[in-house]
C-alpha atoms as a PDB file:
ATOM      1  CA  MET A   1      -0.075  -0.091   0.003  1.00  0.00           C
ATOM      2  CA  GLU A   2       1.525   3.193  -0.692  1.00  0.00           C
ATOM      3  CA  ASP A   3       2.235   5.650   1.986  1.00  0.00           C
ATOM      4  CA  SER A   4      -0.211   8.094   1.477  1.00  0.00           C
ATOM      5  CA  LYS A   5      -3.160   5.803   1.326  1.00  0.00           C
ATOM      6  CA  LYS A   6      -1.731   4.179   4.415  1.00  0.00           C
ATOM      7  CA  ILE A   7      -1.417   7.037   6.570  1.00  0.00           C
ATOM      8  CA  GLN A   8      -4.828   8.252   5.275  1.00  0.00           C
ATOM      9  CA  LYS A   9      -6.397   4.560   6.507  1.00  0.00           C
ATOM     10  CA  ILE A  10      -4.354   4.696   9.953  1.00  0.00           C
ATOM     11  CA  ILE A  11      -5.676   8.385  10.671  1.00  0.00           C
ATOM     12  CA  GLU A  12      -9.416   7.457   9.411  1.00  0.00           C
ATOM     13  CA  ASN A  13      -9.803   4.280  11.654  1.00  0.00           C
ATOM     14  CA  LEU A  14      -8.403   6.172  14.326  1.00  0.00           C
ATOM     15  CA  LYS A  15     -10.918   8.840  13.846  1.00  0.00           C
ATOM     16  CA  LEU A  16     -13.612   6.422  13.456  1.00  0.00           C
ATOM     17  CA  GLN A  17     -12.749   4.364  16.477  1.00  0.00           C
ATOM     18  CA  MET A  18     -12.690   7.695  18.687  1.00  0.00           C
ATOM     19  CA  GLN A  19     -16.109   8.433  17.331  1.00  0.00           C
ATOM     20  CA  GLU A  20     -17.815   5.247  17.964  1.00  0.00           C
ATOM     21  CA  GLN A  21     -16.273   4.693  21.332  1.00  0.00           C
ATOM     22  CA  LYS A  22     -15.249   8.315  22.205  1.00  0.00           C
ATOM     23  CA  CYS A  23     -12.070   6.937  23.573  1.00  0.00           C
ATOM     24  CA  ILE A  24      -9.574   4.213  22.863  1.00  0.00           C
ATOM     25  CA  TYR A  25      -8.436   1.203  25.270  1.00  0.00           C
ATOM     26  CA  ARG A  26      -4.729   0.986  25.394  1.00  0.00           C
ATOM     27  CA  TRP A  27      -2.914  -2.045  26.528  1.00  0.00           C
ATOM     28  CA  LEU A  28       0.390  -1.372  28.195  1.00  0.00           C
ATOM     29  CA  GLU A  29       3.291  -3.488  28.382  1.00  0.00           C
ATOM     30  CA  ASP A  30       2.588  -4.427  32.064  1.00  0.00           C
ATOM     31  CA  GLY A  31      -0.668  -5.590  31.161  1.00  0.00           C
ATOM     32  CA  THR A  32      -2.950  -2.622  32.680  1.00  0.00           C
ATOM     33  CA  ILE A  33      -5.243  -1.081  30.394  1.00  0.00           C
ATOM     34  CA  ASP A  34      -5.722   2.979  29.864  1.00  0.00           C
ATOM     35  CA  LYS A  35      -8.225   5.266  28.571  1.00  0.00           C
ATOM     36  CA  VAL A  36      -6.774   7.249  25.763  1.00  0.00           C
ATOM     37  CA  VAL A  37      -7.968   9.684  22.861  1.00  0.00           C
ATOM     38  CA  CYS A  38      -6.167  10.537  19.590  1.00  0.00           C
ATOM     39  CA  LYS A  39      -6.247  13.811  18.381  1.00  0.00           C
ATOM     40  CA  PHE A  40      -5.133  15.432  14.697  1.00  0.00           C
ATOM     41  CA  ASN A  41      -4.587  18.937  13.216  1.00  0.00           C
ATOM     42  CA  ALA A  42      -6.049  20.068  10.004  1.00  0.00           C
ATOM     43  CA  PRO A  43      -4.170  18.859   6.926  1.00  0.00           C
ATOM     44  CA  ILE A  44      -1.104  21.345   6.092  1.00  0.00           C
ATOM     45  CA  GLU A  45      -2.196  23.897   3.647  1.00  0.00           C
ATOM     46  CA  LEU A  46      -0.077  23.660   0.350  1.00  0.00           C
ATOM     47  CA  GLU A  47       1.063  27.407   0.601  1.00  0.00           C
ATOM     48  CA  GLU A  48       2.440  26.605   3.396  1.00  0.00           C
ATOM     49  CA  LEU A  49       4.600  23.614   2.492  1.00  0.00           C
ATOM     50  CA  GLN A  50       5.851  25.583  -0.473  1.00  0.00           C
ATOM     51  CA  LYS A  51       6.884  28.298   1.795  1.00  0.00           C
ATOM     52  CA  ILE A  52       8.634  25.920   4.073  1.00  0.00           C
ATOM     53  CA  HIS A  53      10.528  24.513   0.649  1.00  0.00           C
ATOM     54  CA  GLN A  54      11.563  28.111  -0.186  1.00  0.00           C
ATOM     55  CA  LYS A  55      12.844  29.308   3.230  1.00  0.00           C
ATOM     56  CA  TYR A  56      14.815  25.686   3.687  1.00  0.00           C
ATOM     57  CA  PRO A  57      15.292  24.953   0.210  1.00  0.00           C
ATOM     58  CA  ASN A  58      18.394  22.219   1.153  1.00  0.00           C
ATOM     59  CA  ILE A  59      15.844  20.443   3.489  1.00  0.00           C
ATOM     60  CA  LYS A  60      14.464  17.628   1.847  1.00  0.00           C
ATOM     61  CA  LEU A  61      11.392  16.129   3.637  1.00  0.00           C
ATOM     62  CA  PRO A  62      10.784  12.279   2.540  1.00  0.00           C
ATOM     63  CA  GLU A  63       7.330  11.702   0.600  1.00  0.00           C
ATOM     64  CA  SER A  64       5.895   9.359   3.465  1.00  0.00           C
ATOM     65  CA  TYR A  65       6.154  12.393   6.008  1.00  0.00           C
ATOM     66  CA  ILE A  66       4.737  14.994   3.466  1.00  0.00           C
ATOM     67  CA  ALA A  67       1.885  12.266   3.035  1.00  0.00           C
ATOM     68  CA  PHE A  68       1.263  12.444   6.673  1.00  0.00           C
ATOM     69  CA  LEU A  69       1.131  16.184   6.791  1.00  0.00           C
ATOM     70  CA  LYS A  70      -1.356  16.353   3.961  1.00  0.00           C
ATOM     71  CA  CYS A  71      -3.676  14.417   6.270  1.00  0.00           C
ATOM     72  CA  SER A  72      -2.894  16.168   9.410  1.00  0.00           C
ATOM     73  CA  ASN A  73      -0.448  18.716  10.243  1.00  0.00           C
ATOM     74  CA  GLY A  74       0.463  17.211  13.520  1.00  0.00           C
ATOM     75  CA  ALA A  75      -1.532  14.915  15.974  1.00  0.00           C
ATOM     76  CA  GLN A  76      -1.449  14.047  19.540  1.00  0.00           C
ATOM     77  CA  LEU A  77      -1.747   9.990  19.767  1.00  0.00           C
ATOM     78  CA  TYR A  78      -2.764   8.225  23.305  1.00  0.00           C
ATOM     79  CA  GLU A  79      -3.480  10.871  25.142  1.00  0.00           C
ATOM     80  CA  SER A  80      -4.518   9.415  28.531  1.00  0.00           C
ATOM     81  CA  LEU A  81      -7.847  10.258  30.022  1.00  0.00           C
ATOM     82  CA  THR A  82      -6.997   8.961  33.261  1.00  0.00           C
ATOM     83  CA  CYS A  83      -3.379  10.491  33.826  1.00  0.00           C
ATOM     84  CA  LYS A  84      -3.482  14.387  33.368  1.00  0.00           C
ATOM     85  CA  ALA A  85      -0.976  15.716  30.986  1.00  0.00           C
ATOM     86  CA  SER A  86      -0.249  12.399  29.966  1.00  0.00           C
ATOM     87  CA  THR A  87       0.571  12.028  25.804  1.00  0.00           C
ATOM     88  CA  ILE A  88       2.549   8.971  24.690  1.00  0.00           C
ATOM     89  CA  CYS A  89       3.187  10.999  21.023  1.00  0.00           C
ATOM     90  CA  THR A  90       2.915  14.215  19.929  1.00  0.00           C
ATOM     91  CA  ILE A  91       3.656  14.562  16.205  1.00  0.00           C
ATOM     92  CA  TYR A  92       4.673  18.033  15.815  1.00  0.00           C
ATOM     93  CA  SER A  93       3.054  20.340  13.156  1.00  0.00           C
ATOM     94  CA  LEU A  94       5.714  21.259  10.345  1.00  0.00           C
ATOM     95  CA  GLN A  95       5.769  24.872  11.865  1.00  0.00           C
ATOM     96  CA  GLU A  96       6.467  23.517  15.003  1.00  0.00           C
ATOM     97  CA  ALA A  97       9.086  21.004  14.000  1.00  0.00           C
ATOM     98  CA  PHE A  98      11.121  23.881  12.215  1.00  0.00           C
ATOM     99  CA  VAL A  99      10.834  26.176  15.937  1.00  0.00           C
ATOM    100  CA  HIS A 100      11.930  23.009  17.564  1.00  0.00           C
ATOM    101  CA  ARG A 101      14.676  22.877  14.899  1.00  0.00           C
ATOM    102  CA  GLU A 102      15.732  26.297  15.441  1.00  0.00           C
ATOM    103  CA  ASN A 103      15.968  26.195  18.978  1.00  0.00           C
ATOM    104  CA  LEU A 104      17.955  22.664  19.245  1.00  0.00           C
ATOM    105  CA  HIS A 105      20.530  24.656  16.978  1.00  0.00           C
ATOM    106  CA  GLN A 106      20.893  26.752  19.895  1.00  0.00           C
ATOM    107  CA  SER A 107      22.098  23.856  22.191  1.00  0.00           C
ATOM    108  CA  ILE A 108      25.665  22.777  22.326  1.00  0.00           C
ATOM    109  CA  LEU A 109      24.424  19.226  21.505  1.00  0.00           C
ATOM    110  CA  PHE A 110      23.711  20.355  17.967  1.00  0.00           C
ATOM    111  CA  GLN A 111      26.548  22.223  17.375  1.00  0.00           C
ATOM    112  CA  ASN A 112      28.253  19.742  14.974  1.00  0.00           C
ATOM    113  CA  GLU A 113      28.219  19.097  11.488  1.00  0.00           C
ATOM    114  CA  ASP A 114      26.138  15.664  11.981  1.00  0.00           C
ATOM    115  CA  THR A 115      23.168  17.353  13.753  1.00  0.00           C
ATOM    116  CA  LYS A 116      22.474  20.444  11.180  1.00  0.00           C
ATOM    117  CA  ASP A 117      20.348  18.529   8.729  1.00  0.00           C
ATOM    118  CA  LEU A 118      18.206  16.797  11.610  1.00  0.00           C
ATOM    119  CA  LEU A 119      14.594  17.860  11.762  1.00  0.00           C
ATOM    120  CA  PRO A 120      12.621  16.664  15.014  1.00  0.00           C
ATOM    121  CA  ILE A 121       9.115  15.607  14.200  1.00  0.00           C
ATOM    122  CA  LEU A 122       7.830  14.128  17.077  1.00  0.00           C
ATOM    123  CA  LEU A 123       8.127  13.639  20.564  1.00  0.00           C
ATOM    124  CA  LEU A 124       7.694  10.237  22.530  1.00  0.00           C
ATOM    125  CA  GLU A 125       6.621  10.529  26.402  1.00  0.00           C
ATOM    126  CA  ASP A 126       9.492   9.498  28.410  1.00  0.00           C
ATOM    127  CA  ILE A 127      11.620   8.317  25.720  1.00  0.00           C
ATOM    128  CA  GLY A 128      12.525  11.521  23.475  1.00  0.00           C
ATOM    129  CA  GLU A 129      12.323  13.109  19.966  1.00  0.00           C
ATOM    130  CA  ILE A 130      12.585  11.236  16.809  1.00  0.00           C
ATOM    131  CA  PHE A 131      14.134  13.360  13.998  1.00  0.00           C
ATOM    132  CA  LEU A 132      14.191  13.156  10.232  1.00  0.00           C
ATOM    133  CA  ASP A 133      17.471  13.069   8.723  1.00  0.00           C
ATOM    134  CA  THR A 134      16.863  15.456   5.705  1.00  0.00           C
ATOM    135  CA  LYS A 135      19.676  14.861   3.759  1.00  0.00           C
ATOM    136  CA  VAL A 136      18.910  11.267   3.347  1.00  0.00           C
ATOM    137  CA  SER A 137      16.736  10.597   0.438  1.00  0.00           C
ATOM    138  CA  ASP A 138      13.298   7.910   0.339  1.00  0.00           C
ATOM    139  CA  GLY A 139      14.057   4.686   0.572  1.00  0.00           C
ATOM    140  CA  GLU A 140      17.118   5.357   2.799  1.00  0.00           C
ATOM    141  CA  GLU A 141      16.939   5.184   6.634  1.00  0.00           C
ATOM    142  CA  TYR A 142      15.716   8.815   7.176  1.00  0.00           C
ATOM    143  CA  LEU A 143      14.206   8.336  10.927  1.00  0.00           C
ATOM    144  CA  LEU A 144      16.639   8.638  13.719  1.00  0.00           C
ATOM    145  CA  TYR A 145      15.682   7.494  17.347  1.00  0.00           C
ATOM    146  CA  PRO A 146      16.237   8.856  20.073  1.00  0.00           C
ATOM    147  CA  PHE A 147      19.365  11.355  19.811  1.00  0.00           C
ATOM    148  CA  PRO A 148      22.202  10.832  20.276  1.00  0.00           C
ATOM    149  CA  GLU A 149      22.271   7.593  19.830  1.00  0.00           C
ATOM    150  CA  ASP A 150      21.799   7.633  15.740  1.00  0.00           C
ATOM    151  CA  LYS A 151      19.836   4.525  15.832  1.00  0.00           C
ATOM    152  CA  ARG A 152      17.860   4.350  12.665  1.00  0.00           C
ATOM    153  CA  PHE A 153      14.380   3.059  11.536  1.00  0.00           C
ATOM    154  CA  PRO A 154      14.406   0.549   8.703  1.00  0.00           C
ATOM    155  CA  TYR A 155      11.334   1.946   7.434  1.00  0.00           C
ATOM    156  CA  SER A 156       9.138   4.727   6.222  1.00  0.00           C
ATOM    157  CA  PHE A 157       7.301   7.065   8.435  1.00  0.00           C
ATOM    158  CA  ALA A 158       4.246   5.500   7.304  1.00  0.00           C
ATOM    159  CA  ASP A 159       5.461   2.331   8.473  1.00  0.00           C
ATOM    160  CA  TRP A 160       6.797   3.604  11.550  1.00  0.00           C
ATOM    161  CA  LEU A 161       3.088   5.169  12.126  1.00  0.00           C
ATOM    162  CA  GLY A 162       1.364   2.075  11.063  1.00  0.00           C
ATOM    163  CA  LYS A 163       3.484  -0.339  13.908  1.00  0.00           C
ATOM    164  CA  PHE A 164       3.104   2.307  16.553  1.00  0.00           C
ATOM    165  CA  VAL A 165      -0.652   2.179  15.810  1.00  0.00           C
ATOM    166  CA  VAL A 166      -0.620  -1.584  16.067  1.00  0.00           C
ATOM    167  CA  ALA A 167       1.249  -1.585  19.292  1.00  0.00           C
ATOM    168  CA  GLN A 168      -0.772   0.970  20.715  1.00  0.00           C
ATOM    169  CA  GLY A 169       1.777   3.433  21.670  1.00  0.00           C
ATOM    170  CA  ASN A 170       4.064   1.141  23.196  1.00  0.00           C
ATOM    171  CA  GLU A 171       7.915   0.521  22.287  1.00  0.00           C
ATOM    172  CA  TYR A 172       7.720  -2.292  19.558  1.00  0.00           C
ATOM    173  CA  TRP A 173      11.160  -1.504  18.627  1.00  0.00           C
ATOM    174  CA  ASN A 174      12.299  -2.105  22.372  1.00  0.00           C
ATOM    175  CA  TRP A 175      10.745  -5.986  21.731  1.00  0.00           C
END
């Protein structure tokens, strides 16, 4: 299934589940269950995407990630209804991602040449951020988890998201 259709299907199904049940029952690795919701932003405006490309012409965004932005320009996945201020995954809007990138470049950790092409795209609770390596082409390992270990996911953003949803927000990559 092509990435844009896969992402669209994932988001549609999560929205449908939320509409029908008002929440999702999320199984945790310790066997407990949490009631959670997922929230999606409006799709990115094409003009906004073009502005980003014009402002940052050397940054390549993978098609899989662009497909997500065209469905939802950011999201909160698995926000707990039982634990205040607990959101398992916050996917930044593209604008927020670039604000985070600019802030990180002020940090001593992001002063070397290897980090200048990284774009933080999401925050995992208690884990940290996942980055896009914007100098890497589609088909290559462009998702890094978590900085600074430079571990890379061997699949696209759409595949990462699909696995994350199937695992109900649990760290499937550590299984």
